[in-house]
Amino acid sequence: MCGIKAHTIRIWEKRYELLSPERTDTNIRRYNTDQLRKVLNVSLLLNNGHKISKIAQMTDVDLGKTINKVSTQNENSDQLIDNQINQLTTAMVSFNERLFEKLFSTIILRFGLQDAFTKILYPFLEKVGLMWCVGEVNPAMEHFITNLVRQKLFCAIDGLITDDNTEGSWLLFLPDNEYHEIGLLMSYFIVRSSGRRAIYLGQDVPFENLKATVDQTGVENLLTFFVRYGSEQEQVDYMGRLTDSFPDKRIFLAADPQRFQFTNQKGFSYLSSVDHLVQELRD
């Protein structure tokens, strides 16, 4: 989770007494949330040029002050993004809503609303998703942080001006039995920010309801996500239903290219990143 090898952490424990994990009856180390948060902060400082020998001498107060300084003063864009993602991970594992709010305000001031979502929050959630898949994040942590981000997205969307112009309009939805909507909400925000009219149906949309909505609204573009949707054959079948039912529409599918392979499926435009959607809206 912190990107530091177990062997290195054990050396720190022995040489610097940096951590004091509990041990099971079979001598397996167990780290609590405070220790995990500390290692995440140590990782951040190491990545910003601080030496472990100096970090180990810091009190918790000094560590916190140094973290705040690094997080706000780093001028290297890529490093700053990494720092913010690391801090968001700390907020998640400690269920610290106050820290999340502070980080979110800092990110908005530094990057602006759209870049905050596209450059930091969405990559952070992708990291969380990968960590969840390999068992490094428990579901409660994921739900905690994604719901905080959902709240911010809804607030941001609510502040956008609604455009009733149907030209270039979009319909955003998730297939039936697909419930992970953060990416779809992010896309809705981006489409609305571009000045397009967008209709948001959200999670778990029955196909017959989707067809009725398209017929009634006359939208030109459809956008959906496969996050954890069905088997490969179910995915292909669903895509076939879309192309058969809406042959005159532009259909966009967003999915992780490492998890979903659709090279033989025609009739779709594939979105592999937020930047890809932004480029489509510009063209």
C-alpha atoms as a PDB file:
ATOM      1  CA  MET A   1       0.000   0.000   0.000  1.00  0.00           C
ATOM      2  CA  CYS A   2       2.852   2.410   0.733  1.00  0.00           C
ATOM      3  CA  GLY A   3       5.249   1.117  -1.916  1.00  0.00           C
ATOM      4  CA  ILE A   4       7.941   0.110   0.576  1.00  0.00           C
ATOM      5  CA  LYS A   5       9.211  -3.463   0.744  1.00  0.00           C
ATOM      6  CA  ALA A   6       8.588  -5.509   3.872  1.00  0.00           C
ATOM      7  CA  HIS A   7      12.336  -6.149   4.242  1.00  0.00           C
ATOM      8  CA  THR A   8      13.002  -2.392   4.337  1.00  0.00           C
ATOM      9  CA  ILE A   9      10.323  -1.824   6.968  1.00  0.00           C
ATOM     10  CA  ARG A  10      11.828  -4.538   9.153  1.00  0.00           C
ATOM     11  CA  ILE A  11      15.243  -2.858   8.905  1.00  0.00           C
ATOM     12  CA  TRP A  12      13.682   0.456   9.988  1.00  0.00           C
ATOM     13  CA  GLU A  13      12.075  -1.242  12.973  1.00  0.00           C
ATOM     14  CA  LYS A  14      15.395  -2.698  14.087  1.00  0.00           C
ATOM     15  CA  ARG A  15      17.699   0.219  13.290  1.00  0.00           C
ATOM     16  CA  TYR A  16      15.516   3.235  14.074  1.00  0.00           C
ATOM     17  CA  GLU A  17      12.647   1.785  16.138  1.00  0.00           C
ATOM     18  CA  LEU A  18      10.414   3.563  13.667  1.00  0.00           C
ATOM     19  CA  LEU A  19       7.473   1.189  14.235  1.00  0.00           C
ATOM     20  CA  SER A  20       6.409  -1.237  16.943  1.00  0.00           C
ATOM     21  CA  PRO A  21       4.011  -3.723  15.388  1.00  0.00           C
ATOM     22  CA  GLU A  22       2.042  -6.241  17.376  1.00  0.00           C
ATOM     23  CA  ARG A  23       2.758  -9.895  16.710  1.00  0.00           C
ATOM     24  CA  THR A  24       0.506 -12.901  16.405  1.00  0.00           C
ATOM     25  CA  ASP A  25       1.123 -16.172  18.216  1.00  0.00           C
ATOM     26  CA  THR A  26       2.983 -17.338  15.109  1.00  0.00           C
ATOM     27  CA  ASN A  27       5.196 -14.184  15.151  1.00  0.00           C
ATOM     28  CA  ILE A  28       3.563 -12.437  12.185  1.00  0.00           C
ATOM     29  CA  ARG A  29       3.728  -8.641  12.364  1.00  0.00           C
ATOM     30  CA  ARG A  30       0.432  -6.735  12.509  1.00  0.00           C
ATOM     31  CA  TYR A  31       0.320  -2.979  11.933  1.00  0.00           C
ATOM     32  CA  ASN A  32      -2.511  -0.797  13.181  1.00  0.00           C
ATOM     33  CA  THR A  33      -3.946   2.195  11.338  1.00  0.00           C
ATOM     34  CA  ASP A  34      -1.684   4.729  13.089  1.00  0.00           C
ATOM     35  CA  GLN A  35       1.408   2.784  12.038  1.00  0.00           C
ATOM     36  CA  LEU A  36       0.160   2.462   8.480  1.00  0.00           C
ATOM     37  CA  ARG A  37      -0.467   6.199   8.354  1.00  0.00           C
ATOM     38  CA  LYS A  38       3.046   6.836   9.637  1.00  0.00           C
ATOM     39  CA  VAL A  39       4.626   4.618   6.981  1.00  0.00           C
ATOM     40  CA  LEU A  40       2.605   6.369   4.266  1.00  0.00           C
ATOM     41  CA  ASN A  41       3.921   9.712   5.515  1.00  0.00           C
ATOM     42  CA  VAL A  42       7.477   8.380   5.718  1.00  0.00           C
ATOM     43  CA  SER A  43       7.134   7.166   2.125  1.00  0.00           C
ATOM     44  CA  LEU A  44       5.997  10.614   1.030  1.00  0.00           C
ATOM     45  CA  LEU A  45       8.987  12.314   2.661  1.00  0.00           C
ATOM     46  CA  LEU A  46      11.420   9.772   1.212  1.00  0.00           C
ATOM     47  CA  ASN A  47      10.041  10.458  -2.246  1.00  0.00           C
ATOM     48  CA  ASN A  48      10.694  14.154  -1.671  1.00  0.00           C
ATOM     49  CA  GLY A  49      14.349  13.761  -0.823  1.00  0.00           C
ATOM     50  CA  HIS A  50      14.319  13.383   2.969  1.00  0.00           C
ATOM     51  CA  LYS A  51      16.631  10.780   4.538  1.00  0.00           C
ATOM     52  CA  ILE A  52      15.213   7.994   6.662  1.00  0.00           C
ATOM     53  CA  SER A  53      17.763   8.709   9.424  1.00  0.00           C
ATOM     54  CA  LYS A  54      16.386  12.262   9.753  1.00  0.00           C
ATOM     55  CA  ILE A  55      12.731  11.196   9.423  1.00  0.00           C
ATOM     56  CA  ALA A  56      13.150   8.615  12.202  1.00  0.00           C
ATOM     57  CA  GLN A  57      14.227  11.374  14.623  1.00  0.00           C
ATOM     58  CA  MET A  58      11.068  13.429  14.026  1.00  0.00           C
ATOM     59  CA  THR A  59       8.275  13.528  16.552  1.00  0.00           C
ATOM     60  CA  ASP A  60       4.749  12.960  15.237  1.00  0.00           C
ATOM     61  CA  VAL A  61       4.189  16.719  15.405  1.00  0.00           C
ATOM     62  CA  ASP A  62       7.353  17.439  13.398  1.00  0.00           C
ATOM     63  CA  LEU A  63       6.397  14.740  10.900  1.00  0.00           C
ATOM     64  CA  GLY A  64       2.985  16.326  10.390  1.00  0.00           C
ATOM     65  CA  LYS A  65       4.451  19.808   9.894  1.00  0.00           C
ATOM     66  CA  THR A  66       6.978  18.522   7.368  1.00  0.00           C
ATOM     67  CA  ILE A  67       4.271  16.628   5.473  1.00  0.00           C
ATOM     68  CA  ASN A  68       2.136  19.769   5.231  1.00  0.00           C
ATOM     69  CA  LYS A  69       5.089  21.783   3.969  1.00  0.00           C
ATOM     70  CA  VAL A  70       5.998  19.206   1.336  1.00  0.00           C
ATOM     71  CA  SER A  71       2.380  18.774   0.215  1.00  0.00           C
ATOM     72  CA  THR A  72       1.793  22.474  -0.385  1.00  0.00           C
ATOM     73  CA  GLN A  73       5.174  23.801  -1.549  1.00  0.00           C
ATOM     74  CA  ASN A  74       6.379  21.223  -4.047  1.00  0.00           C
ATOM     75  CA  GLU A  75       6.549  22.882  -7.471  1.00  0.00           C
ATOM     76  CA  ASN A  76       7.081  19.701  -9.461  1.00  0.00           C
ATOM     77  CA  SER A  77       3.658  18.887 -10.889  1.00  0.00           C
ATOM     78  CA  ASP A  78       4.089  15.115 -11.050  1.00  0.00           C
ATOM     79  CA  GLN A  79       5.590  14.931  -7.574  1.00  0.00           C
ATOM     80  CA  LEU A  80       2.850  17.168  -6.189  1.00  0.00           C
ATOM     81  CA  ILE A  81       0.197  14.874  -7.639  1.00  0.00           C
ATOM     82  CA  ASP A  82       1.906  11.824  -6.130  1.00  0.00           C
ATOM     83  CA  ASN A  83       2.050  13.608  -2.770  1.00  0.00           C
ATOM     84  CA  GLN A  84      -1.645  14.434  -2.834  1.00  0.00           C
ATOM     85  CA  ILE A  85      -2.586  10.883  -3.809  1.00  0.00           C
ATOM     86  CA  ASN A  86      -0.435   9.571  -0.951  1.00  0.00           C
ATOM     87  CA  GLN A  87      -2.156  11.918   1.493  1.00  0.00           C
ATOM     88  CA  LEU A  88      -5.591  10.893   0.229  1.00  0.00           C
ATOM     89  CA  THR A  89      -4.601   7.291   0.875  1.00  0.00           C
ATOM     90  CA  THR A  90      -3.722   8.274   4.432  1.00  0.00           C
ATOM     91  CA  ALA A  91      -7.137   9.911   4.864  1.00  0.00           C
ATOM     92  CA  MET A  92      -8.804   6.776   3.568  1.00  0.00           C
ATOM     93  CA  VAL A  93      -7.052   4.220   5.770  1.00  0.00           C
ATOM     94  CA  SER A  94      -7.640   6.332   8.897  1.00  0.00           C
ATOM     95  CA  PHE A  95     -11.261   7.223   7.996  1.00  0.00           C
ATOM     96  CA  ASN A  96     -10.274  10.864   8.435  1.00  0.00           C
ATOM     97  CA  GLU A  97     -12.927  13.037   6.800  1.00  0.00           C
ATOM     98  CA  ARG A  98     -11.380  16.221   8.157  1.00  0.00           C
ATOM     99  CA  LEU A  99      -8.075  15.433   6.445  1.00  0.00           C
ATOM    100  CA  PHE A 100      -9.920  14.641   3.219  1.00  0.00           C
ATOM    101  CA  GLU A 101     -11.721  18.006   3.334  1.00  0.00           C
ATOM    102  CA  LYS A 102      -8.449  19.827   3.932  1.00  0.00           C
ATOM    103  CA  LEU A 103      -6.728  17.996   1.075  1.00  0.00           C
ATOM    104  CA  PHE A 104      -9.668  18.544  -1.261  1.00  0.00           C
ATOM    105  CA  SER A 105      -9.634  22.320  -0.592  1.00  0.00           C
ATOM    106  CA  THR A 106      -5.887  22.447  -1.227  1.00  0.00           C
ATOM    107  CA  ILE A 107      -6.215  20.479  -4.462  1.00  0.00           C
ATOM    108  CA  ILE A 108      -9.034  22.685  -5.759  1.00  0.00           C
ATOM    109  CA  LEU A 109      -7.089  25.869  -5.020  1.00  0.00           C
ATOM    110  CA  ARG A 110      -3.958  24.508  -6.689  1.00  0.00           C
ATOM    111  CA  PHE A 111      -5.392  22.803  -9.751  1.00  0.00           C
ATOM    112  CA  GLY A 112      -8.906  24.126 -10.306  1.00  0.00           C
ATOM    113  CA  LEU A 113     -12.050  22.019 -10.223  1.00  0.00           C
ATOM    114  CA  GLN A 114     -11.765  19.940 -13.399  1.00  0.00           C
ATOM    115  CA  ASP A 115      -8.047  19.220 -13.125  1.00  0.00           C
ATOM    116  CA  ALA A 116      -8.499  18.315  -9.459  1.00  0.00           C
ATOM    117  CA  PHE A 117     -10.879  15.551 -10.477  1.00  0.00           C
ATOM    118  CA  THR A 118      -9.090  14.425 -13.624  1.00  0.00           C
ATOM    119  CA  LYS A 119      -5.462  14.641 -12.457  1.00  0.00           C
ATOM    120  CA  ILE A 120      -5.724  13.639  -8.806  1.00  0.00           C
ATOM    121  CA  LEU A 121      -9.051  12.292  -7.559  1.00  0.00           C
ATOM    122  CA  TYR A 122      -9.745   9.928 -10.430  1.00  0.00           C
ATOM    123  CA  PRO A 123      -6.181   8.477 -10.551  1.00  0.00           C
ATOM    124  CA  PHE A 124      -6.406   8.096  -6.777  1.00  0.00           C
ATOM    125  CA  LEU A 125      -9.640   6.119  -7.089  1.00  0.00           C
ATOM    126  CA  GLU A 126      -8.081   3.949  -9.789  1.00  0.00           C
ATOM    127  CA  LYS A 127      -5.284   3.184  -7.315  1.00  0.00           C
ATOM    128  CA  VAL A 128      -7.866   2.364  -4.647  1.00  0.00           C
ATOM    129  CA  GLY A 129      -9.619   0.025  -7.077  1.00  0.00           C
ATOM    130  CA  LEU A 130      -6.389  -1.846  -7.773  1.00  0.00           C
ATOM    131  CA  MET A 131      -5.597  -2.045  -4.080  1.00  0.00           C
ATOM    132  CA  TRP A 132      -9.098  -3.422  -3.436  1.00  0.00           C
ATOM    133  CA  CYS A 133      -8.647  -6.072  -6.133  1.00  0.00           C
ATOM    134  CA  VAL A 134      -5.498  -7.439  -4.486  1.00  0.00           C
ATOM    135  CA  GLY A 135      -6.909  -7.249  -0.965  1.00  0.00           C
ATOM    136  CA  GLU A 136      -4.878  -4.283   0.303  1.00  0.00           C
ATOM    137  CA  VAL A 137      -7.970  -2.160   1.054  1.00  0.00           C
ATOM    138  CA  ASN A 138     -11.004  -3.443   2.868  1.00  0.00           C
ATOM    139  CA  PRO A 139     -14.441  -2.584   1.405  1.00  0.00           C
ATOM    140  CA  ALA A 140     -15.267  -0.196   4.252  1.00  0.00           C
ATOM    141  CA  MET A 141     -12.271   2.000   3.394  1.00  0.00           C
ATOM    142  CA  GLU A 142     -13.215   2.024  -0.281  1.00  0.00           C
ATOM    143  CA  HIS A 143     -16.837   2.908   0.473  1.00  0.00           C
ATOM    144  CA  PHE A 144     -15.778   5.664   2.876  1.00  0.00           C
ATOM    145  CA  ILE A 145     -13.541   7.472   0.411  1.00  0.00           C
ATOM    146  CA  THR A 146     -15.644   6.935  -2.721  1.00  0.00           C
ATOM    147  CA  ASN A 147     -18.720   8.341  -0.987  1.00  0.00           C
ATOM    148  CA  LEU A 148     -16.769  11.459  -0.017  1.00  0.00           C
ATOM    149  CA  VAL A 149     -15.667  11.894  -3.629  1.00  0.00           C
ATOM    150  CA  ARG A 150     -19.244  11.272  -4.839  1.00  0.00           C
ATOM    151  CA  GLN A 151     -20.451  14.089  -2.585  1.00  0.00           C
ATOM    152  CA  LYS A 152     -17.902  16.468  -4.101  1.00  0.00           C
ATOM    153  CA  LEU A 153     -18.828  15.422  -7.634  1.00  0.00           C
ATOM    154  CA  PHE A 154     -22.529  15.995  -7.011  1.00  0.00           C
ATOM    155  CA  CYS A 155     -21.788  19.447  -5.603  1.00  0.00           C
ATOM    156  CA  ALA A 156     -19.599  20.307  -8.589  1.00  0.00           C
ATOM    157  CA  ILE A 157     -22.204  19.065 -11.069  1.00  0.00           C
ATOM    158  CA  ASP A 158     -24.967  20.963  -9.288  1.00  0.00           C
ATOM    159  CA  GLY A 159     -23.045  24.191  -9.868  1.00  0.00           C
ATOM    160  CA  LEU A 160     -22.915  23.754 -13.658  1.00  0.00           C
ATOM    161  CA  ILE A 161     -25.351  25.516 -15.968  1.00  0.00           C
ATOM    162  CA  THR A 162     -27.846  23.191 -17.655  1.00  0.00           C
ATOM    163  CA  ASP A 163     -27.850  23.352 -21.467  1.00  0.00           C
ATOM    164  CA  ASP A 164     -31.093  22.347 -23.197  1.00  0.00           C
ATOM    165  CA  ASN A 165     -29.480  22.236 -26.639  1.00  0.00           C
ATOM    166  CA  THR A 166     -29.892  18.684 -27.966  1.00  0.00           C
ATOM    167  CA  GLU A 167     -27.036  18.981 -30.490  1.00  0.00           C
ATOM    168  CA  GLY A 168     -24.193  16.765 -29.401  1.00  0.00           C
ATOM    169  CA  SER A 169     -26.228  15.477 -26.433  1.00  0.00           C
ATOM    170  CA  TRP A 170     -25.087  12.559 -24.268  1.00  0.00           C
ATOM    171  CA  LEU A 171     -26.765   9.810 -22.273  1.00  0.00           C
ATOM    172  CA  LEU A 172     -24.701   8.289 -19.455  1.00  0.00           C
ATOM    173  CA  PHE A 173     -25.662   5.027 -17.768  1.00  0.00           C
ATOM    174  CA  LEU A 174     -24.409   1.779 -16.272  1.00  0.00           C
ATOM    175  CA  PRO A 175     -25.688  -1.630 -17.424  1.00  0.00           C
ATOM    176  CA  ASP A 176     -27.971  -3.680 -15.243  1.00  0.00           C
ATOM    177  CA  ASN A 177     -26.048  -5.129 -12.290  1.00  0.00           C
ATOM    178  CA  GLU A 178     -23.225  -2.592 -12.620  1.00  0.00           C
ATOM    179  CA  TYR A 179     -23.036  -0.298  -9.583  1.00  0.00           C
ATOM    180  CA  HIS A 180     -19.621   1.397  -9.560  1.00  0.00           C
ATOM    181  CA  GLU A 181     -20.517   4.874 -10.752  1.00  0.00           C
ATOM    182  CA  ILE A 182     -17.604   7.144  -9.798  1.00  0.00           C
ATOM    183  CA  GLY A 183     -16.165   7.001 -13.325  1.00  0.00           C
ATOM    184  CA  LEU A 184     -19.584   7.681 -14.816  1.00  0.00           C
ATOM    185  CA  LEU A 185     -20.141  10.641 -12.483  1.00  0.00           C
ATOM    186  CA  MET A 186     -16.720  11.989 -13.409  1.00  0.00           C
ATOM    187  CA  SER A 187     -17.650  11.670 -17.088  1.00  0.00           C
ATOM    188  CA  TYR A 188     -20.974  13.405 -16.475  1.00  0.00           C
ATOM    189  CA  PHE A 189     -19.133  16.310 -14.879  1.00  0.00           C
ATOM    190  CA  ILE A 190     -16.731  16.546 -17.822  1.00  0.00           C
ATOM    191  CA  VAL A 191     -19.492  16.367 -20.454  1.00  0.00           C
ATOM    192  CA  ARG A 192     -21.555  19.010 -18.667  1.00  0.00           C
ATOM    193  CA  SER A 193     -18.451  21.202 -18.242  1.00  0.00           C
ATOM    194  CA  SER A 194     -17.940  21.127 -22.003  1.00  0.00           C
ATOM    195  CA  GLY A 195     -21.344  22.774 -22.510  1.00  0.00           C
ATOM    196  CA  ARG A 196     -23.080  19.675 -23.866  1.00  0.00           C
ATOM    197  CA  ARG A 197     -26.490  18.547 -22.760  1.00  0.00           C
ATOM    198  CA  ALA A 198     -26.173  15.363 -20.700  1.00  0.00           C
ATOM    199  CA  ILE A 199     -28.756  12.988 -19.252  1.00  0.00           C
ATOM    200  CA  TYR A 200     -27.541  10.912 -16.308  1.00  0.00           C
ATOM    201  CA  LEU A 201     -29.320   7.620 -15.569  1.00  0.00           C
ATOM    202  CA  GLY A 202     -26.746   6.225 -13.154  1.00  0.00           C
ATOM    203  CA  GLN A 203     -26.427   2.650 -11.917  1.00  0.00           C
ATOM    204  CA  ASP A 204     -28.125  -0.591 -12.884  1.00  0.00           C
ATOM    205  CA  VAL A 205     -30.261   0.610 -15.817  1.00  0.00           C
ATOM    206  CA  PRO A 206     -32.541  -2.094 -17.323  1.00  0.00           C
ATOM    207  CA  PHE A 207     -32.035  -2.323 -21.073  1.00  0.00           C
ATOM    208  CA  GLU A 208     -35.705  -1.737 -21.920  1.00  0.00           C
ATOM    209  CA  ASN A 209     -35.631   1.515 -19.918  1.00  0.00           C
ATOM    210  CA  LEU A 210     -32.458   2.560 -21.706  1.00  0.00           C
ATOM    211  CA  LYS A 211     -34.072   2.033 -25.109  1.00  0.00           C
ATOM    212  CA  ALA A 212     -37.192   3.980 -24.114  1.00  0.00           C
ATOM    213  CA  THR A 213     -35.057   6.905 -22.921  1.00  0.00           C
ATOM    214  CA  VAL A 214     -33.001   7.025 -26.115  1.00  0.00           C
ATOM    215  CA  ASP A 215     -36.155   6.942 -28.242  1.00  0.00           C
ATOM    216  CA  GLN A 216     -37.764   9.745 -26.236  1.00  0.00           C
ATOM    217  CA  THR A 217     -34.781  12.077 -25.908  1.00  0.00           C
ATOM    218  CA  GLY A 218     -33.058  11.586 -29.264  1.00  0.00           C
ATOM    219  CA  VAL A 219     -29.582  11.784 -27.747  1.00  0.00           C
ATOM    220  CA  GLU A 220     -26.656  11.400 -30.133  1.00  0.00           C
ATOM    221  CA  ASN A 221     -24.038   9.827 -27.860  1.00  0.00           C
ATOM    222  CA  LEU A 222     -24.225   6.984 -25.346  1.00  0.00           C
ATOM    223  CA  LEU A 223     -21.562   6.418 -22.689  1.00  0.00           C
ATOM    224  CA  THR A 224     -21.328   3.438 -20.361  1.00  0.00           C
ATOM    225  CA  PHE A 225     -18.718   1.747 -18.157  1.00  0.00           C
ATOM    226  CA  PHE A 226     -17.662  -1.815 -17.547  1.00  0.00           C
ATOM    227  CA  VAL A 227     -16.055  -1.897 -14.106  1.00  0.00           C
ATOM    228  CA  ARG A 228     -16.899  -5.344 -12.787  1.00  0.00           C
ATOM    229  CA  TYR A 229     -19.612  -6.237 -15.251  1.00  0.00           C
ATOM    230  CA  GLY A 230     -20.232  -9.937 -15.946  1.00  0.00           C
ATOM    231  CA  SER A 231     -18.158 -12.476 -17.826  1.00  0.00           C
ATOM    232  CA  GLU A 232     -16.380 -11.769 -21.097  1.00  0.00           C
ATOM    233  CA  GLN A 233     -19.242 -13.363 -23.044  1.00  0.00           C
ATOM    234  CA  GLU A 234     -21.824 -11.292 -21.140  1.00  0.00           C
ATOM    235  CA  GLN A 235     -19.872  -8.157 -21.963  1.00  0.00           C
ATOM    236  CA  VAL A 236     -19.736  -9.011 -25.668  1.00  0.00           C
ATOM    237  CA  ASP A 237     -23.451  -9.872 -25.691  1.00  0.00           C
ATOM    238  CA  TYR A 238     -24.358  -6.576 -24.044  1.00  0.00           C
ATOM    239  CA  MET A 239     -22.280  -4.605 -26.499  1.00  0.00           C
ATOM    240  CA  GLY A 240     -23.991  -6.442 -29.345  1.00  0.00           C
ATOM    241  CA  ARG A 241     -27.388  -5.440 -27.972  1.00  0.00           C
ATOM    242  CA  LEU A 242     -26.291  -1.813 -27.888  1.00  0.00           C
ATOM    243  CA  THR A 243     -25.035  -1.736 -31.468  1.00  0.00           C
ATOM    244  CA  ASP A 244     -28.113  -3.601 -32.752  1.00  0.00           C
ATOM    245  CA  SER A 245     -30.546  -1.331 -30.898  1.00  0.00           C
ATOM    246  CA  PHE A 246     -28.821   1.993 -31.601  1.00  0.00           C
ATOM    247  CA  PRO A 247     -27.098   1.708 -34.989  1.00  0.00           C
ATOM    248  CA  ASP A 248     -27.302   5.457 -35.631  1.00  0.00           C
ATOM    249  CA  LYS A 249     -25.772   6.525 -32.301  1.00  0.00           C
ATOM    250  CA  ARG A 250     -22.181   7.011 -31.229  1.00  0.00           C
ATOM    251  CA  ILE A 251     -21.558   4.532 -28.428  1.00  0.00           C
ATOM    252  CA  PHE A 252     -18.674   5.020 -26.035  1.00  0.00           C
ATOM    253  CA  LEU A 253     -17.435   2.338 -23.683  1.00  0.00           C
ATOM    254  CA  ALA A 254     -15.044   3.124 -20.846  1.00  0.00           C
ATOM    255  CA  ALA A 255     -13.110   0.232 -19.349  1.00  0.00           C
ATOM    256  CA  ASP A 256      -9.702  -0.696 -18.032  1.00  0.00           C
ATOM    257  CA  PRO A 257      -7.827  -2.023 -21.100  1.00  0.00           C
ATOM    258  CA  GLN A 258      -5.857  -4.417 -18.884  1.00  0.00           C
ATOM    259  CA  ARG A 259      -9.021  -6.092 -17.638  1.00  0.00           C
ATOM    260  CA  PHE A 260     -11.268  -5.878 -20.691  1.00  0.00           C
ATOM    261  CA  GLN A 261     -10.236  -6.824 -24.208  1.00  0.00           C
ATOM    262  CA  PHE A 262     -12.597  -5.816 -27.021  1.00  0.00           C
ATOM    263  CA  THR A 263     -10.362  -5.728 -30.049  1.00  0.00           C
ATOM    264  CA  ASN A 264     -12.812  -7.748 -32.175  1.00  0.00           C
ATOM    265  CA  GLN A 265     -15.935  -5.807 -31.267  1.00  0.00           C
ATOM    266  CA  LYS A 266     -16.963  -3.132 -33.778  1.00  0.00           C
ATOM    267  CA  GLY A 267     -19.342  -0.212 -33.463  1.00  0.00           C
ATOM    268  CA  PHE A 268     -17.801   1.269 -30.316  1.00  0.00           C
ATOM    269  CA  SER A 269     -15.422   4.042 -29.401  1.00  0.00           C
ATOM    270  CA  TYR A 270     -13.261   2.924 -26.471  1.00  0.00           C
ATOM    271  CA  LEU A 271     -12.295   5.317 -23.688  1.00  0.00           C
ATOM    272  CA  SER A 272      -9.279   4.177 -21.696  1.00  0.00           C
ATOM    273  CA  SER A 273      -8.776   7.391 -19.688  1.00  0.00           C
ATOM    274  CA  VAL A 274     -10.318  10.678 -18.639  1.00  0.00           C
ATOM    275  CA  ASP A 275      -8.077  12.527 -21.107  1.00  0.00           C
ATOM    276  CA  HIS A 276      -9.468  10.346 -23.890  1.00  0.00           C
ATOM    277  CA  LEU A 277     -13.008  11.564 -23.151  1.00  0.00           C
ATOM    278  CA  VAL A 278     -11.863  15.173 -22.959  1.00  0.00           C
ATOM    279  CA  GLN A 279     -10.248  14.829 -26.386  1.00  0.00           C
ATOM    280  CA  GLU A 280     -13.438  13.322 -27.856  1.00  0.00           C
ATOM    281  CA  LEU A 281     -15.402  16.328 -26.631  1.00  0.00           C
ATOM    282  CA  ARG A 282     -12.926  18.707 -28.240  1.00  0.00           C
ATOM    283  CA  ASP A 283     -12.981  17.019 -31.649  1.00  0.00           C
END
